[in-house]
Protein backbone atom coordinates (compact mmCIF):
# COMPACT_ATOMS: atom_id res chain seq x y z
CA MET A 1 128.00 84.16 79.56
CA LYS A 2 124.72 83.41 81.35
CA ILE A 3 124.74 86.10 84.01
CA SER A 4 122.22 88.76 84.86
CA ARG A 5 122.67 92.30 83.64
CA ARG A 6 122.81 93.62 87.19
CA ARG A 7 125.49 91.14 88.22
CA PHE A 8 127.47 91.92 85.07
CA ILE A 9 127.33 95.68 85.64
CA HIS A 10 128.41 95.28 89.25
CA SER A 11 131.37 93.17 88.10
CA ILE A 12 132.87 96.07 86.13
CA PRO A 13 136.30 96.70 87.75
CA LEU A 14 135.97 100.34 88.78
CA LEU A 15 137.16 101.79 92.10
CA THR A 16 133.88 103.63 92.67
CA ALA A 17 130.39 103.40 91.24
CA PRO A 18 130.27 105.52 88.06
CA ALA A 19 127.91 108.46 87.83
CA TRP A 20 125.85 106.84 85.08
CA MET A 21 124.80 104.04 87.47
CA SER A 22 123.12 106.52 89.81
CA ARG A 23 119.40 106.93 89.27
CA PRO A 24 117.72 110.34 89.55
CA ALA A 25 116.76 111.51 93.01
CA TRP A 26 113.07 110.80 92.36
CA ALA A 27 113.69 107.14 91.48
CA SER A 28 112.00 104.45 93.54
CA VAL A 29 111.02 100.82 93.18
CA PRO A 30 107.79 100.01 91.29
CA THR A 31 105.23 97.85 93.07
CA GLN A 32 104.59 95.76 89.95
CA PRO A 33 108.03 94.71 88.67
CA ASP A 34 106.78 91.89 86.41
CA ARG A 35 105.58 94.26 83.71
CA HIS A 36 106.70 94.62 80.12
CA PHE A 37 105.77 97.21 77.50
CA VAL A 38 105.37 97.32 73.75
CA PHE A 39 105.00 100.74 72.15
CA VAL A 40 103.56 100.35 68.66
CA TYR A 41 104.06 103.41 66.47
CA PHE A 42 102.04 103.98 63.30
CA GLY A 43 104.22 106.50 61.50
CA GLY A 44 102.89 109.50 59.65
CA GLY A 45 99.53 110.28 61.23
CA TRP A 46 96.53 107.96 60.90
CA ASP A 47 92.97 108.80 59.88
CA ASN A 48 90.74 108.12 62.88
CA LEU A 49 87.59 108.25 60.76
CA ILE A 50 88.39 104.97 59.02
CA ALA A 51 89.45 102.96 62.08
CA LEU A 52 89.33 104.26 65.66
CA ASP A 53 86.67 106.96 65.54
CA PRO A 54 84.25 106.60 62.59
CA ARG A 55 80.88 108.20 61.87
CA ASP A 56 77.64 106.81 60.47
CA PRO A 57 77.55 107.60 56.73
CA ASP A 58 73.73 107.70 56.84
CA VAL A 59 73.93 110.60 59.28
CA PHE A 60 77.12 112.38 58.21
CA THR A 61 76.25 112.68 54.56
CA GLN A 62 78.03 114.70 51.90
CA GLU A 63 75.10 117.11 51.85
CA ARG A 64 75.66 117.95 55.54
CA VAL A 65 79.42 118.55 55.37
CA SER A 66 79.05 122.32 55.70
CA GLU A 67 76.95 121.74 58.82
CA THR A 68 78.97 118.96 60.50
CA GLY A 69 82.46 119.80 59.32
CA ILE A 70 83.00 116.06 58.78
CA GLU A 71 83.55 114.60 55.31
CA LEU A 72 83.69 110.81 55.27
CA GLY A 73 84.41 109.70 51.71
CA TYR A 74 83.80 106.06 52.66
CA ASP A 75 82.39 105.28 49.22
CA GLU A 76 85.85 105.86 47.70
CA LEU A 77 87.70 103.35 49.90
CA GLY A 78 86.77 100.21 47.98
CA VAL A 79 85.30 98.34 50.95
CA ASP A 80 81.91 96.63 51.13
CA GLU A 81 81.14 97.75 54.70
CA PRO A 82 82.92 100.84 56.04
CA LEU A 83 81.88 100.17 59.65
CA ILE A 84 82.24 97.26 62.08
CA GLN A 85 79.88 96.87 65.05
CA THR A 86 81.47 95.48 68.22
CA ASP A 87 80.55 95.02 71.88
CA ILE A 88 82.14 98.35 72.79
CA GLY A 89 80.92 100.40 69.85
CA THR A 90 81.50 101.10 66.19
CA PHE A 91 84.86 101.05 64.43
CA GLY A 92 86.01 101.64 60.89
CA THR A 93 86.63 98.55 58.81
CA PHE A 94 90.39 99.07 58.91
CA ILE A 95 90.50 98.19 62.59
CA GLY A 96 90.96 94.67 61.18
CA ARG A 97 91.59 91.73 63.50
CA LEU A 98 91.57 93.94 66.58
CA ALA A 99 87.75 93.84 66.31
CA ASP A 100 88.03 90.26 67.59
CA HIS A 101 89.64 91.45 70.83
CA THR A 102 87.51 94.38 71.94
CA GLU A 103 87.10 92.94 75.44
CA LYS A 104 90.81 93.66 75.94
CA LEU A 105 90.92 97.09 74.24
CA ALA A 106 90.76 100.52 75.82
CA VAL A 107 90.17 103.03 73.02
CA LEU A 108 90.81 106.73 73.62
CA ARG A 109 89.01 109.20 71.40
CA GLY A 110 89.02 112.96 71.06
CA MET A 111 92.57 113.44 72.30
CA THR A 112 94.50 116.59 71.48
CA MET A 113 98.12 116.56 70.37
CA GLY A 114 100.58 119.38 70.91
CA SER A 115 101.87 119.66 67.35
CA VAL A 116 101.09 118.71 63.76
CA ALA A 117 104.76 118.59 62.73
CA HIS A 118 105.94 114.99 62.41
CA ASN A 119 109.17 115.21 64.43
CA SER A 120 107.90 117.22 67.36
CA ALA A 121 104.58 115.35 67.54
CA ARG A 122 106.32 111.97 67.49
CA ARG A 123 108.73 113.06 70.21
CA HIS A 124 105.83 114.35 72.27
CA ALA A 125 104.28 110.88 72.15
CA LEU A 126 107.53 109.04 72.89
CA THR A 127 108.52 111.25 75.84
CA GLY A 128 105.13 112.32 77.15
CA PHE A 129 106.14 115.97 77.04
CA LEU A 130 105.96 118.51 74.22
CA PRO A 131 109.46 119.26 72.88
CA ALA A 132 110.93 122.72 72.52
CA GLY A 133 110.84 122.78 68.75
CA THR A 134 112.31 119.35 68.03
CA SER A 135 114.50 119.25 71.16
CA VAL A 136 113.13 116.76 73.66
CA ARG A 137 112.70 117.85 77.27
CA ARG A 138 112.17 114.42 78.81
CA SER A 139 113.66 110.97 78.33
CA SER A 140 111.60 108.54 76.29
CA LEU A 141 109.01 106.79 78.41
CA SER A 142 110.51 103.46 77.32
CA THR A 143 113.88 104.56 78.73
CA ILE A 144 112.37 105.48 82.09
CA LEU A 145 110.45 102.21 82.30
CA ALA A 146 113.53 100.22 81.30
CA SER A 147 115.62 101.92 83.97
CA HIS A 148 113.16 100.89 86.68
CA LEU A 149 112.25 97.43 85.42
CA GLY A 150 114.94 96.12 83.10
CA SER A 151 118.21 95.75 85.00
CA GLU A 152 118.00 91.94 84.69
CA ASN A 153 117.32 91.99 80.93
CA PRO A 154 120.26 91.84 78.49
CA ILE A 155 118.61 94.49 76.28
CA PRO A 156 116.28 96.39 78.62
CA ASN A 157 115.18 98.82 75.93
CA LEU A 158 114.85 97.78 72.27
CA SER A 159 113.69 100.19 69.57
CA ILE A 160 113.14 99.22 65.94
CA GLY A 161 112.79 102.10 63.50
CA VAL A 162 111.94 104.68 66.15
CA ASP A 163 114.05 107.30 67.92
CA CYS A 164 114.72 106.93 71.63
CA PHE A 165 116.02 109.54 74.07
CA ASN A 166 117.85 109.51 77.39
CA LEU A 167 118.35 112.74 79.29
CA ASP A 168 118.57 111.57 82.90
CA GLN A 169 118.50 107.78 83.14
CA PRO A 170 121.34 105.23 83.55
CA MET A 171 123.33 104.56 80.42
CA TRP A 172 122.35 100.89 80.40
CA ALA A 173 118.70 101.92 79.90
CA ASN A 174 119.56 103.45 76.51
CA ALA A 175 117.70 101.78 73.66
CA LEU A 176 119.45 99.41 71.34
CA GLN A 177 118.22 100.89 68.07
CA ALA A 178 117.96 99.13 64.72
CA ASN A 179 116.08 99.86 61.52
CA ASN A 180 114.75 96.34 60.93
CA ILE A 181 115.29 92.71 61.87
CA GLU A 182 118.25 92.38 59.52
CA THR A 183 120.20 95.18 61.19
CA LEU A 184 119.18 93.90 64.64
CA TYR A 185 120.53 90.46 63.80
CA SER A 186 123.76 91.97 62.47
CA ALA A 187 124.21 94.07 65.60
CA LEU A 188 123.92 91.01 67.87
CA ALA A 189 125.78 88.44 65.77
CA LYS A 190 129.46 87.63 66.14
CA GLY A 191 131.65 88.88 63.34
CA ASP A 192 133.65 86.68 61.03
CA LEU A 193 136.89 87.65 62.78
CA ASP A 194 137.63 87.78 66.49
CA LEU A 195 140.72 88.60 68.52
CA GLU A 196 142.54 85.61 69.93
CA GLU A 197 142.38 85.21 73.69
CA PRO A 198 145.89 86.45 74.61
CA THR A 199 145.43 89.66 72.62
CA ARG A 200 141.91 90.20 73.92
CA ASP A 201 142.97 89.57 77.52
CA ALA A 202 145.88 91.98 77.19
CA LEU A 203 143.57 94.69 75.88
CA GLU A 204 141.09 94.12 78.71
CA THR A 205 143.88 94.40 81.28
CA PHE A 206 145.02 97.65 79.70
CA PHE A 207 141.50 99.14 79.66
CA ALA A 208 140.84 98.06 83.24
CA LYS A 209 144.02 99.80 84.42
CA GLN A 210 143.09 102.92 82.52
CA MET A 211 139.62 102.98 84.04
CA ALA A 212 140.99 102.48 87.54
CA ARG A 213 142.82 105.79 87.12
CA THR A 214 140.06 107.89 85.55
CA THR A 215 137.37 109.99 87.16
CA HIS A 216 135.90 111.17 83.85
CA GLN A 217 132.28 110.10 83.49
CA ARG A 218 132.34 109.89 79.70
CA GLU A 219 135.34 107.54 79.72
CA GLU A 220 133.57 105.35 82.29
CA GLU A 221 130.52 105.19 80.07
CA ILE A 222 132.54 104.22 76.98
CA TYR A 223 134.36 101.46 78.84
CA ALA A 224 131.16 100.06 80.36
CA ASN A 225 129.44 100.22 76.98
CA ARG A 226 132.24 98.12 75.44
CA LEU A 227 131.78 95.45 78.10
CA LEU A 228 128.02 95.42 77.72
CA SER A 229 128.34 95.11 73.94
CA ARG A 230 130.64 92.13 74.33
CA GLU A 231 128.23 90.55 76.79
CA LEU A 232 125.37 90.82 74.29
CA ILE A 233 127.39 89.20 71.51
CA ASN A 234 128.68 86.42 73.75
CA ARG A 235 125.14 85.52 74.80
CA ASP A 236 124.25 84.75 71.17
CA LEU A 237 121.02 86.74 71.27
CA ALA A 238 121.14 87.01 67.48
CA GLN A 239 119.73 83.48 67.24
CA TYR A 240 116.30 84.73 68.30
CA PHE A 241 116.12 87.11 65.34
CA ASN A 242 117.42 84.75 62.67
CA PHE A 243 114.75 83.93 60.08
CA ASP A 244 116.88 81.02 58.86
CA SER A 245 116.78 79.35 62.27
CA SER A 246 115.28 75.86 62.51
CA GLU A 247 114.56 76.26 66.22
CA SER A 248 110.94 75.19 66.79
CA GLN A 249 109.74 78.36 68.52
CA THR A 250 111.16 80.55 65.75
CA VAL A 251 109.63 78.39 63.03
CA MET A 252 106.19 78.45 64.68
CA ARG A 253 106.34 82.21 65.16
CA LYS A 254 107.33 82.78 61.55
CA GLU A 255 104.24 80.84 60.51
CA HIS A 256 102.02 82.67 63.02
CA TYR A 257 103.07 86.07 61.69
CA GLY A 258 102.88 85.00 58.04
CA ILE A 259 106.52 85.88 57.45
CA SER A 260 107.42 83.22 54.88
CA ASP A 261 104.44 84.22 52.72
CA ASN A 262 104.84 87.95 53.51
CA ILE A 263 101.16 88.16 54.50
CA TYR A 264 101.57 91.11 56.86
CA GLY A 265 104.74 92.60 55.37
CA LYS A 266 107.08 94.50 57.68
CA SER A 267 104.28 94.74 60.25
CA GLY A 268 104.42 90.99 60.80
CA GLU A 269 108.20 91.11 61.16
CA MET A 270 107.93 93.87 63.76
CA ALA A 271 105.43 91.91 65.82
CA PHE A 272 107.69 88.84 65.56
CA ILE A 273 110.59 90.87 66.98
CA ALA A 274 108.48 91.99 69.94
CA ALA A 275 107.32 88.46 70.72
CA GLN A 276 110.84 87.04 70.56
CA ALA A 277 112.35 89.84 72.64
CA LEU A 278 109.71 89.54 75.35
CA THR A 279 109.14 85.82 75.73
CA ASN A 280 112.86 85.04 75.68
CA ARG A 281 113.27 87.66 78.42
CA ILE A 282 115.66 89.71 76.32
CA SER A 283 113.89 93.07 76.63
CA ARG A 284 111.60 94.85 79.06
CA CYS A 285 110.45 97.57 76.65
CA VAL A 286 110.10 97.20 72.88
CA THR A 287 109.22 100.07 70.54
CA LEU A 288 108.21 99.31 66.95
CA ASP A 289 107.49 101.35 63.83
CA ILE A 290 104.88 98.88 62.69
CA SER A 291 103.29 100.84 59.83
CA PRO A 292 105.44 103.69 58.46
CA ASN A 293 104.62 106.22 55.76
CA LEU A 294 100.96 106.82 56.61
CA ASP A 295 101.07 110.45 55.44
CA ALA A 296 98.07 110.82 53.12
CA HIS A 297 97.81 114.32 51.67
CA GLN A 298 97.03 113.03 48.17
CA LYS A 299 93.78 111.37 47.10
CA ASP A 300 95.38 108.23 45.64
CA ARG A 301 97.38 107.64 48.79
CA TRP A 302 94.36 108.14 51.04
CA THR A 303 91.84 106.11 49.02
CA ASN A 304 94.11 103.20 48.00
CA ASP A 305 96.86 102.67 50.59
CA HIS A 306 96.20 104.50 53.85
CA GLY A 307 93.50 102.22 55.21
CA PRO A 308 95.13 98.89 54.21
CA ASP A 309 98.44 100.03 55.71
CA ILE A 310 96.74 100.84 59.01
CA GLN A 311 94.90 97.51 58.98
CA GLN A 312 98.09 95.59 58.31
CA GLY A 313 99.57 97.15 61.45
CA PHE A 314 96.46 96.43 63.54
CA ASP A 315 96.34 92.85 62.25
CA ALA A 316 99.95 92.36 63.34
CA VAL A 317 99.13 93.77 66.79
CA ALA A 318 96.22 91.32 67.07
CA LEU A 319 98.59 88.48 66.17
CA LEU A 320 100.99 89.69 68.87
CA MET A 321 98.18 89.73 71.43
CA GLU A 322 97.16 86.19 70.47
CA ASP A 323 100.77 84.99 70.61
CA LEU A 324 101.42 86.50 74.04
CA ALA A 325 98.11 85.21 75.37
CA ALA A 326 99.08 81.68 74.30
CA SER A 327 102.61 81.92 75.73
CA PRO A 328 102.87 80.91 79.43
CA TYR A 329 104.62 83.44 81.66
CA ASP A 330 104.41 81.13 84.65
CA SER A 331 102.09 78.37 85.81
CA THR A 332 99.11 80.70 86.26
CA SER A 333 99.45 83.53 83.74
CA SER A 334 100.36 84.38 80.14
CA TRP A 335 102.77 86.90 78.70
CA LEU A 336 99.85 89.13 77.75
CA ASP A 337 98.93 89.27 81.45
CA HIS A 338 102.30 90.91 82.03
CA THR A 339 102.62 93.06 78.92
CA THR A 340 101.06 96.46 78.21
CA ILE A 341 100.67 97.36 74.51
CA TRP A 342 100.14 100.93 73.37
CA CYS A 343 99.23 101.71 69.73
CA PHE A 344 99.64 105.34 68.70
CA SER A 345 100.34 107.74 65.86
CA GLU A 346 101.83 111.20 66.23
CA PHE A 347 98.56 112.93 65.28
CA GLY A 348 95.33 112.34 63.41
CA ARG A 349 94.12 113.57 60.04
CA GLY A 350 91.59 116.28 59.33
CA SER A 351 87.85 115.70 59.30
CA LEU A 352 87.63 117.46 55.92
CA ARG A 353 89.33 116.45 52.67
CA ASN A 354 91.91 118.82 51.28
CA ILE A 355 91.96 120.31 47.79
CA ASN A 356 93.81 117.22 46.51
CA GLY A 357 91.25 114.78 47.91
CA GLY A 358 93.51 113.56 50.72
CA ARG A 359 93.59 114.53 54.38
CA ASP A 360 95.98 116.89 56.13
CA HIS A 361 97.38 116.76 59.67
CA SER A 362 95.10 117.33 62.65
CA LEU A 363 95.69 117.83 66.37
CA ILE A 364 92.72 115.56 67.16
CA ASN A 365 93.69 111.95 67.65
CA GLY A 366 92.83 108.55 69.09
CA MET A 367 94.85 105.70 70.58
CA ILE A 368 94.47 102.10 71.76
CA LEU A 369 95.90 100.40 74.83
CA MET A 370 95.57 96.77 75.90
CA GLY A 371 97.08 94.10 78.09
CA ALA A 372 98.50 94.23 81.61
CA GLY A 373 97.23 97.03 83.83
CA ILE A 374 94.68 98.21 81.26
CA ARG A 375 90.92 98.03 81.83
CA GLY A 376 89.74 96.67 78.50
CA GLY A 377 86.33 96.58 76.87
CA GLN A 378 85.74 100.33 76.86
CA VAL A 379 85.92 103.58 74.96
CA ILE A 380 87.24 106.61 76.84
CA GLY A 381 86.36 110.11 75.67
CA ALA A 382 84.90 111.17 72.34
CA SER A 383 85.48 113.68 69.59
CA SER A 384 82.69 116.12 68.91
CA ASP A 385 80.13 115.62 66.13
CA ILE A 386 80.91 119.08 64.80
CA GLY A 387 84.36 119.14 63.25
CA MET A 388 85.64 116.23 65.39
CA GLN A 389 87.03 118.50 68.09
CA ALA A 390 88.64 117.37 71.35
CA GLN A 391 86.38 117.21 74.39
CA ALA A 392 87.19 117.28 78.09
CA VAL A 393 87.07 113.91 79.87
CA ASP A 394 86.53 112.96 83.50
CA LEU A 395 89.74 111.04 84.26
CA ALA A 396 88.01 108.84 86.83
CA THR A 397 85.07 107.73 84.68
CA GLY A 398 86.38 108.17 81.14
CA LEU A 399 83.22 110.05 80.17
CA VAL A 400 83.05 113.39 78.42
CA HIS A 401 82.47 116.06 81.05
CA GLU A 402 82.86 119.82 80.87
CA SER A 403 84.84 119.92 84.12
CA GLY A 404 87.27 117.24 82.92
CA GLU A 405 90.57 117.50 81.08
CA LEU A 406 91.62 117.31 77.44
CA LEU A 407 93.55 114.05 77.01
CA THR A 408 97.16 114.38 75.84
CA ASN A 409 100.34 112.33 75.56
CA ASN A 410 101.28 113.65 79.00
CA HIS A 411 98.32 111.77 80.48
CA ILE A 412 99.41 108.54 78.77
CA ALA A 413 102.95 108.71 80.18
CA ARG A 414 101.69 109.50 83.67
CA SER A 415 99.11 106.69 83.45
CA LEU A 416 101.57 104.00 82.40
CA LEU A 417 103.98 104.89 85.20
CA HIS A 418 101.06 104.99 87.63
CA SER A 419 100.08 101.49 86.46
CA ILE A 420 103.34 100.02 87.80
CA GLY A 421 103.10 101.78 91.14
CA PHE A 422 104.41 105.33 90.76
CA GLU A 423 101.67 107.45 92.26
CA ASP A 424 103.77 110.63 92.25
CA ASP A 425 104.49 112.50 89.02
CA ILE A 426 108.08 111.22 88.84
CA GLY A 427 108.54 112.42 85.25
CA ASP A 428 107.13 115.90 85.87
CA TYR A 429 104.50 115.40 83.14
CA ARG A 430 102.18 117.89 84.87
CA ALA A 431 99.14 115.73 84.17
CA ASP A 432 97.11 113.31 86.24
CA PRO A 433 96.73 109.62 85.38
CA ILE A 434 93.63 108.48 83.51
CA LEU A 435 92.29 106.25 86.27
CA ALA A 436 89.44 105.00 84.08
CA LEU A 437 92.07 103.49 81.79
CA LEU A 438 93.73 101.40 84.50
CA GLN A 439 92.75 98.23 86.27
């Protein structure tokens, strides 16, 4: 079946359009429909001091910790040079290969998160609105974007290892969720057994008659979901996520992401999934847990594993950028020109070491965005030099200013929707877009 998602949905034999096909009253058409999104989640809370927001160890010495409230500990990380100098400023060494792409990066520093509990903080980032406890109060941003942009994609919203929520969007914008590439492949592959055509056709006739009689929204959703699931399997999308494939594009991508030699671990596999889903026009939004288990309360975890795990994720993101930049979208542009990438963690880690020599959770955070719609080559905002506190930022200039606003996840959600043409606050995020972030 080589038909568009929209045409397929409209072919469902119902007497009237089901309620789930109706968009919210605030829905409208974006002015930039050729946009795609990759949300790259670093799970567990990353340490900004060793990557996104470092400090000079010659200035922030151990002797001044009581004065600055910032304890670096760089000498324990086992690296020759803890800092990397780039055209847009200084980064920690674990920024990895992203240091080669600073002209495309917009780095946000000194943000403030709404929670230091993993579940609620992660859901705040994914939805752009602080949950009530752990109960989300908005749909995931990926779901909203998919509902406006992805009706022609067979899997508008793909999420690997990350929760996704839908409170008010069409059912077809729900994320297809999988834990890894193996479960994704299994979900899309045909089973060993299949009903023979007469039996299958008889069942479809029965279900169609049943649906023609019902007015119950949930039954409509279940029936439509069955048809959409069959469509996905019949389109043989599993082939794009088969590591045993001999197809030339798959083989080249496996080599690019170091999969056969396991150079970048699961991070490389996640980036591979995103590249395949985008460039084969399978998905409009892809969410990845590219570097899980970053929690680093203990000294051994912080000194030995935390930094390398972050770098592995950043290296994989750099590979994804390079891949998309080299992949033609049309005759005049690349896939990176049409794809926005957002790298985030649910919160940062404290500027002081804890009693165990690790770092605990902190509301202060940093993030990176790049690609389509993003004004690269800049740092927006800054954390303070006393205790790394959040500072207000002028949303138009990106500079620290006392009359500005503290940057939050709400600003990110509003900004990304603004970047595709939604000037009104359609998600009720109650925050203005960061205009300095956008092209």
